[in-house]
Amino acid sequence: MSHTSAPCDHLPAADMPPITEHQLRTAFEKLHWAKFTYDQVMADPIRRKVVLACAHQLRRDEWEQTHTRTVEPVTRCRPGADGHPMKWTTQMAQEPWVRQATPDIFTNHVQKP
C-alpha cells in the first residue's frame, strides 16, 4: 500500500511564486538555531525540510496579503433516496483567489490588476 499525500486544499502551489532566497534566510532566522549556520542547515536534508516548510508559510502569508477571496451564497439541492429534491439549502462557498487592486499613490486612483 503506497502513501500518497493529500493535495493542499487552500492554495495550489502552482499559483504562487517560487520561494526566494530571502524567504529561506528569514525562515532560518525565525527558527533560532544557534548551533547551526545557514549552510549547515541547508546541507542536512531533515533540517532543510523544516526550513523549507517555514519558508512555504512565509511565501503563502506574503501571497495572501496581495490577494483576496470572497464568500458567496450558493443554493444547493439535497436529493432524497429516490433522487428527487428533498430540501434546498444555501451554503457559503468560497470564490477563487483574485489579485487585489493596488492603489496608485501619485494619482489617488486604483490600478486594476
Protein backbone atom coordinates (compact mmCIF):
# COMPACT_ATOMS: atom_id res chain seq x y z
CA MET A 1 0.00 0.00 0.00
CA SER A 2 1.59 3.26 -1.08
CA HIS A 3 1.14 6.50 0.78
CA THR A 4 0.03 9.49 -1.24
CA SER A 5 -0.16 12.88 0.35
CA ALA A 6 -3.44 14.73 0.09
CA PRO A 7 -3.33 17.89 -2.00
CA CYS A 8 -3.40 21.17 -0.16
CA ASP A 9 -7.00 22.42 -0.29
CA HIS A 10 -6.36 26.11 0.35
CA LEU A 11 -3.87 27.07 -2.39
CA PRO A 12 -2.26 25.13 -5.17
CA ALA A 13 1.49 25.76 -5.21
CA ALA A 14 1.43 26.39 -8.98
CA ASP A 15 -0.46 29.66 -8.42
CA MET A 16 2.20 31.08 -6.11
CA PRO A 17 5.65 32.37 -6.99
CA PRO A 18 8.68 30.23 -6.15
CA ILE A 19 10.37 30.53 -2.77
CA THR A 20 13.08 33.18 -2.75
CA GLU A 21 16.47 33.08 -1.04
CA HIS A 22 15.29 35.92 1.21
CA GLN A 23 12.34 33.82 2.40
CA LEU A 24 14.66 30.87 3.09
CA ARG A 25 17.04 33.01 5.13
CA THR A 26 14.15 34.64 7.02
CA ALA A 27 12.73 31.19 7.80
CA PHE A 28 16.14 30.07 9.08
CA GLU A 29 16.39 33.14 11.32
CA LYS A 30 12.89 32.55 12.73
CA LEU A 31 13.88 29.05 13.85
CA HIS A 32 16.63 30.46 16.15
CA TRP A 33 19.07 27.58 15.67
CA ALA A 34 22.12 28.98 17.46
CA LYS A 35 24.41 25.97 16.95
CA PHE A 36 24.00 25.78 13.18
CA THR A 37 24.86 28.06 10.29
CA TYR A 38 22.59 28.53 7.29
CA ASP A 39 24.91 26.43 5.09
CA GLN A 40 24.99 23.58 7.63
CA VAL A 41 21.20 23.54 7.81
CA MET A 42 20.82 23.52 4.02
CA ALA A 43 23.27 20.60 3.78
CA ASP A 44 21.24 18.47 6.23
CA PRO A 45 18.12 17.03 4.49
CA ILE A 46 15.88 16.98 7.59
CA ARG A 47 16.69 20.49 8.77
CA ARG A 48 16.42 21.74 5.18
CA LYS A 49 12.85 20.40 5.01
CA VAL A 50 11.99 22.24 8.23
CA VAL A 51 13.36 25.50 6.82
CA LEU A 52 11.51 24.91 3.53
CA ALA A 53 8.23 24.34 5.39
CA CYS A 54 8.71 27.60 7.27
CA ALA A 55 9.60 29.37 4.00
CA HIS A 56 6.43 27.98 2.36
CA GLN A 57 4.41 29.52 5.19
CA LEU A 58 6.16 32.88 4.72
CA ARG A 59 5.53 32.75 0.97
CA ARG A 60 1.86 31.93 1.48
CA ASP A 61 1.44 34.74 4.01
CA GLU A 62 3.05 37.26 1.62
CA TRP A 63 0.92 35.98 -1.25
CA GLU A 64 -2.33 36.20 0.73
CA GLN A 65 -1.60 39.84 1.60
CA THR A 66 -1.88 40.74 -2.08
CA HIS A 67 -4.88 38.53 -2.93
CA THR A 68 -8.47 38.37 -1.72
CA ARG A 69 -11.10 35.67 -1.63
CA THR A 70 -14.80 36.41 -1.40
CA VAL A 71 -17.54 34.23 0.02
CA GLU A 72 -20.77 33.88 -1.94
CA PRO A 73 -24.04 32.15 -1.03
CA VAL A 74 -24.78 29.15 -3.27
CA THR A 75 -28.15 27.39 -3.40
CA ARG A 76 -27.87 23.61 -3.47
CA CYS A 77 -30.32 20.76 -3.54
CA ARG A 78 -30.29 17.81 -1.17
CA PRO A 79 -31.73 14.84 -3.02
CA GLY A 80 -33.83 12.20 -1.31
CA ALA A 81 -33.32 8.46 -1.54
CA ASP A 82 -35.21 8.34 -4.84
CA GLY A 83 -33.17 11.20 -6.33
CA HIS A 84 -35.90 13.81 -6.18
CA PRO A 85 -35.17 17.10 -4.38
CA MET A 86 -35.95 16.86 -0.70
CA LYS A 87 -34.64 20.13 0.54
CA TRP A 88 -32.98 23.25 -0.82
CA THR A 89 -30.14 24.69 1.23
CA THR A 90 -27.91 27.72 0.98
CA GLN A 91 -24.22 27.28 1.63
CA MET A 92 -21.49 29.87 1.78
CA ALA A 93 -18.92 28.90 -0.86
CA GLN A 94 -15.50 30.46 -1.32
CA GLU A 95 -14.74 32.04 -4.66
CA PRO A 96 -11.30 31.65 -6.25
CA TRP A 97 -8.40 33.88 -5.23
CA VAL A 98 -8.12 37.17 -7.13
CA ARG A 99 -5.33 39.72 -7.04
CA GLN A 100 -6.14 42.90 -5.09
CA ALA A 101 -6.12 46.22 -6.90
CA THR A 102 -3.11 48.28 -5.84
CA PRO A 103 -3.65 51.98 -5.13
CA ASP A 104 -1.59 54.44 -7.15
CA ILE A 105 -0.30 56.90 -4.57
CA PHE A 106 0.51 59.61 -7.12
CA THR A 107 -2.91 59.93 -8.76
CA ASN A 108 -5.18 58.59 -5.96
CA HIS A 109 -6.63 56.03 -8.38
CA VAL A 110 -6.79 52.31 -8.05
CA GLN A 111 -4.92 50.33 -10.68
CA LYS A 112 -6.67 47.22 -11.86
CA PRO A 113 -4.58 44.02 -11.80
